[in-house]
Amino acid sequence: MIKKIKYSNEPVEAKVVSDFLPSPEELILKEKKQKVTLTLSEKSLKFFKANAKKHGASYQAMIRRLVDYYVANQI
C-alpha cells in the first residue's frame, strides 16, 4: 500500500543566490609547461607515488601543483 502525500499551500522561503562559479572556460588551465629533469630522494618519490595511487592521480601532477603552490605563495 502506498501512502498518499498531502500537499498544502504553505509559503516557501527561498532566496536567489548570485552565480559565483567560474565559467567552464575559466576552469581550463592552459599554462605553458616546460619539461625538466628533477632528481628526488627515494623517500620523496615513494611518498608522491603512493599518495597519487591512493587518490587516483598523477604523481608528476602532484609535484607540479606543489611547486606551483609554493611559487604562488612567494610572490
N, C-alpha and C. Protein backbone atom coordinates (compact mmCIF):
# COMPACT_ATOMS: atom_id res chain seq x y z
N MET A 1 0.84 -1.16 0.00
CA MET A 1 0.00 0.00 0.00
C MET A 1 0.90 1.25 0.00
N ILE A 2 0.60 2.18 -0.88
CA ILE A 2 1.37 3.42 -0.98
C ILE A 2 0.64 4.51 -0.21
N LYS A 3 1.38 5.18 0.67
CA LYS A 3 0.81 6.26 1.47
C LYS A 3 0.75 7.52 0.62
N LYS A 4 -0.41 8.15 0.53
CA LYS A 4 -0.56 9.37 -0.26
C LYS A 4 0.02 10.56 0.48
N ILE A 5 0.61 11.45 -0.30
CA ILE A 5 1.20 12.67 0.25
C ILE A 5 0.18 13.79 0.12
N LYS A 6 -0.04 14.51 1.21
CA LYS A 6 -0.94 15.66 1.18
C LYS A 6 -0.09 16.92 1.10
N TYR A 7 -0.33 17.72 0.06
CA TYR A 7 0.39 18.97 -0.12
C TYR A 7 -0.45 20.13 0.40
N SER A 8 0.21 21.16 0.91
CA SER A 8 -0.50 22.35 1.37
C SER A 8 0.07 23.56 0.65
N ASN A 9 -0.57 24.66 0.79
CA ASN A 9 -0.13 25.89 0.13
C ASN A 9 0.68 26.76 1.08
N GLU A 10 1.59 26.15 1.81
CA GLU A 10 2.42 26.91 2.74
C GLU A 10 3.45 27.73 1.96
N PRO A 11 3.77 28.93 2.46
CA PRO A 11 4.77 29.74 1.76
C PRO A 11 6.16 29.08 1.84
N VAL A 12 6.89 29.20 0.75
CA VAL A 12 8.24 28.64 0.68
C VAL A 12 9.23 29.79 0.84
N GLU A 13 10.15 29.62 1.79
CA GLU A 13 11.17 30.65 1.98
C GLU A 13 12.40 30.27 1.16
N ALA A 14 12.73 31.10 0.18
CA ALA A 14 13.89 30.85 -0.68
C ALA A 14 14.50 32.18 -1.07
N LYS A 15 15.78 32.14 -1.37
CA LYS A 15 16.42 33.36 -1.86
C LYS A 15 17.28 33.01 -3.06
N VAL A 16 17.44 33.96 -3.94
CA VAL A 16 18.23 33.77 -5.14
C VAL A 16 19.70 34.01 -4.79
N VAL A 17 20.53 33.08 -5.20
CA VAL A 17 21.97 33.19 -4.96
C VAL A 17 22.62 33.60 -6.26
N SER A 18 23.45 34.62 -6.21
CA SER A 18 24.12 35.06 -7.43
C SER A 18 25.08 33.98 -7.92
N ASP A 19 25.33 33.96 -9.21
CA ASP A 19 26.21 32.96 -9.82
C ASP A 19 27.65 33.30 -9.46
N PHE A 20 28.25 32.48 -8.61
CA PHE A 20 29.61 32.74 -8.16
C PHE A 20 30.62 31.77 -8.76
N LEU A 21 30.14 30.79 -9.49
CA LEU A 21 31.05 29.80 -10.07
C LEU A 21 31.69 30.33 -11.35
N PRO A 22 32.95 29.97 -11.58
CA PRO A 22 33.60 30.40 -12.82
C PRO A 22 33.01 29.66 -14.02
N SER A 23 33.13 30.26 -15.18
CA SER A 23 32.64 29.60 -16.39
C SER A 23 33.55 28.42 -16.73
N PRO A 24 33.07 27.48 -17.52
CA PRO A 24 33.91 26.35 -17.90
C PRO A 24 35.23 26.78 -18.57
N GLU A 25 35.17 27.85 -19.33
CA GLU A 25 36.37 28.35 -19.99
C GLU A 25 37.44 28.78 -18.98
N GLU A 26 36.98 29.31 -17.85
CA GLU A 26 37.91 29.76 -16.82
C GLU A 26 38.52 28.60 -16.04
N LEU A 27 37.91 27.43 -16.14
CA LEU A 27 38.41 26.27 -15.42
C LEU A 27 39.50 25.53 -16.20
N ILE A 28 39.61 25.82 -17.48
CA ILE A 28 40.61 25.15 -18.31
C ILE A 28 41.96 25.83 -18.10
N LEU A 29 42.91 25.04 -17.61
CA LEU A 29 44.25 25.58 -17.38
C LEU A 29 45.08 25.37 -18.63
N LYS A 30 45.45 26.45 -19.27
CA LYS A 30 46.25 26.37 -20.48
C LYS A 30 47.62 27.00 -20.23
N GLU A 31 48.20 26.67 -19.11
CA GLU A 31 49.51 27.20 -18.82
C GLU A 31 50.55 26.49 -19.66
N LYS A 32 51.50 27.24 -20.11
CA LYS A 32 52.59 26.66 -20.88
C LYS A 32 53.47 25.86 -19.92
N LYS A 33 53.82 24.65 -20.33
CA LYS A 33 54.64 23.80 -19.48
C LYS A 33 55.98 23.55 -20.16
N GLN A 34 56.97 23.31 -19.35
CA GLN A 34 58.30 23.01 -19.86
C GLN A 34 58.83 21.80 -19.10
N LYS A 35 59.36 20.85 -19.83
CA LYS A 35 59.89 19.64 -19.21
C LYS A 35 61.24 19.91 -18.58
N VAL A 36 61.44 19.33 -17.41
CA VAL A 36 62.72 19.42 -16.71
C VAL A 36 63.07 18.06 -16.14
N THR A 37 64.32 17.87 -15.83
CA THR A 37 64.75 16.66 -15.15
C THR A 37 64.97 17.02 -13.70
N LEU A 38 64.39 16.23 -12.82
CA LEU A 38 64.46 16.51 -11.40
C LEU A 38 64.82 15.23 -10.68
N THR A 39 65.82 15.30 -9.85
CA THR A 39 66.23 14.14 -9.07
C THR A 39 65.68 14.29 -7.66
N LEU A 40 64.88 13.29 -7.25
CA LEU A 40 64.27 13.30 -5.92
C LEU A 40 64.84 12.16 -5.10
N SER A 41 64.74 12.28 -3.80
CA SER A 41 65.15 11.17 -2.94
C SER A 41 64.12 10.04 -3.11
N GLU A 42 64.55 8.82 -2.85
CA GLU A 42 63.63 7.68 -2.96
C GLU A 42 62.44 7.86 -2.03
N LYS A 43 62.71 8.38 -0.84
CA LYS A 43 61.65 8.59 0.15
C LYS A 43 60.57 9.54 -0.39
N SER A 44 61.01 10.65 -1.00
CA SER A 44 60.07 11.63 -1.55
C SER A 44 59.28 11.03 -2.71
N LEU A 45 59.97 10.33 -3.59
CA LEU A 45 59.30 9.76 -4.75
C LEU A 45 58.28 8.70 -4.32
N LYS A 46 58.64 7.86 -3.36
CA LYS A 46 57.70 6.86 -2.85
C LYS A 46 56.48 7.52 -2.24
N PHE A 47 56.69 8.62 -1.52
CA PHE A 47 55.58 9.35 -0.91
C PHE A 47 54.60 9.84 -1.98
N PHE A 48 55.11 10.50 -3.02
CA PHE A 48 54.24 11.05 -4.06
C PHE A 48 53.55 9.94 -4.85
N LYS A 49 54.27 8.88 -5.18
CA LYS A 49 53.67 7.78 -5.94
C LYS A 49 52.58 7.09 -5.13
N ALA A 50 52.83 6.85 -3.85
CA ALA A 50 51.83 6.19 -3.00
C ALA A 50 50.58 7.04 -2.85
N ASN A 51 50.74 8.33 -2.62
CA ASN A 51 49.58 9.21 -2.45
C ASN A 51 48.84 9.41 -3.76
N ALA A 52 49.56 9.47 -4.86
CA ALA A 52 48.92 9.61 -6.17
C ALA A 52 48.07 8.37 -6.46
N LYS A 53 48.61 7.21 -6.18
CA LYS A 53 47.88 5.97 -6.42
C LYS A 53 46.63 5.90 -5.54
N LYS A 54 46.78 6.31 -4.29
CA LYS A 54 45.67 6.30 -3.33
C LYS A 54 44.51 7.18 -3.79
N HIS A 55 44.85 8.30 -4.45
CA HIS A 55 43.83 9.26 -4.87
C HIS A 55 43.53 9.20 -6.37
N GLY A 56 44.12 8.24 -7.06
CA GLY A 56 43.87 8.10 -8.50
C GLY A 56 44.37 9.28 -9.30
N ALA A 57 45.54 9.80 -8.93
CA ALA A 57 46.09 10.98 -9.60
C ALA A 57 47.48 10.66 -10.15
N SER A 58 48.06 11.63 -10.78
CA SER A 58 49.41 11.52 -11.31
C SER A 58 50.40 12.10 -10.30
N TYR A 59 51.44 11.33 -9.99
CA TYR A 59 52.42 11.84 -9.03
C TYR A 59 53.15 13.06 -9.60
N GLN A 60 53.35 13.07 -10.92
CA GLN A 60 54.01 14.22 -11.53
C GLN A 60 53.15 15.47 -11.42
N ALA A 61 51.85 15.33 -11.60
CA ALA A 61 50.94 16.46 -11.46
C ALA A 61 50.92 16.96 -10.02
N MET A 62 51.01 16.03 -9.06
CA MET A 62 51.04 16.43 -7.65
C MET A 62 52.28 17.26 -7.35
N ILE A 63 53.41 16.82 -7.85
CA ILE A 63 54.66 17.56 -7.64
C ILE A 63 54.58 18.92 -8.31
N ARG A 64 54.04 18.96 -9.55
CA ARG A 64 53.91 20.22 -10.28
C ARG A 64 53.02 21.19 -9.51
N ARG A 65 51.89 20.71 -8.98
CA ARG A 65 51.00 21.58 -8.22
C ARG A 65 51.64 22.07 -6.93
N LEU A 66 52.43 21.22 -6.30
CA LEU A 66 53.13 21.61 -5.09
C LEU A 66 54.11 22.75 -5.38
N VAL A 67 54.87 22.62 -6.45
CA VAL A 67 55.82 23.67 -6.83
C VAL A 67 55.07 24.95 -7.20
N ASP A 68 53.98 24.82 -7.98
CA ASP A 68 53.18 25.99 -8.35
C ASP A 68 52.61 26.69 -7.11
N TYR A 69 52.14 25.91 -6.14
CA TYR A 69 51.61 26.47 -4.91
C TYR A 69 52.70 27.24 -4.16
N TYR A 70 53.87 26.65 -4.08
CA TYR A 70 55.00 27.31 -3.41
C TYR A 70 55.32 28.65 -4.08
N VAL A 71 55.39 28.63 -5.41
CA VAL A 71 55.72 29.86 -6.16
C VAL A 71 54.65 30.92 -5.94
N ALA A 72 53.39 30.53 -6.01
CA ALA A 72 52.28 31.48 -5.84
C ALA A 72 52.32 32.15 -4.47
N ASN A 73 52.79 31.43 -3.47
CA ASN A 73 52.84 31.99 -2.12
C ASN A 73 54.12 32.76 -1.83
N GLN A 74 55.02 32.79 -2.77
CA GLN A 74 56.26 33.56 -2.61
C GLN A 74 56.19 34.91 -3.30
N ILE A 75 55.22 35.05 -4.17
CA ILE A 75 55.08 36.31 -4.94
C ILE A 75 54.38 37.36 -4.12
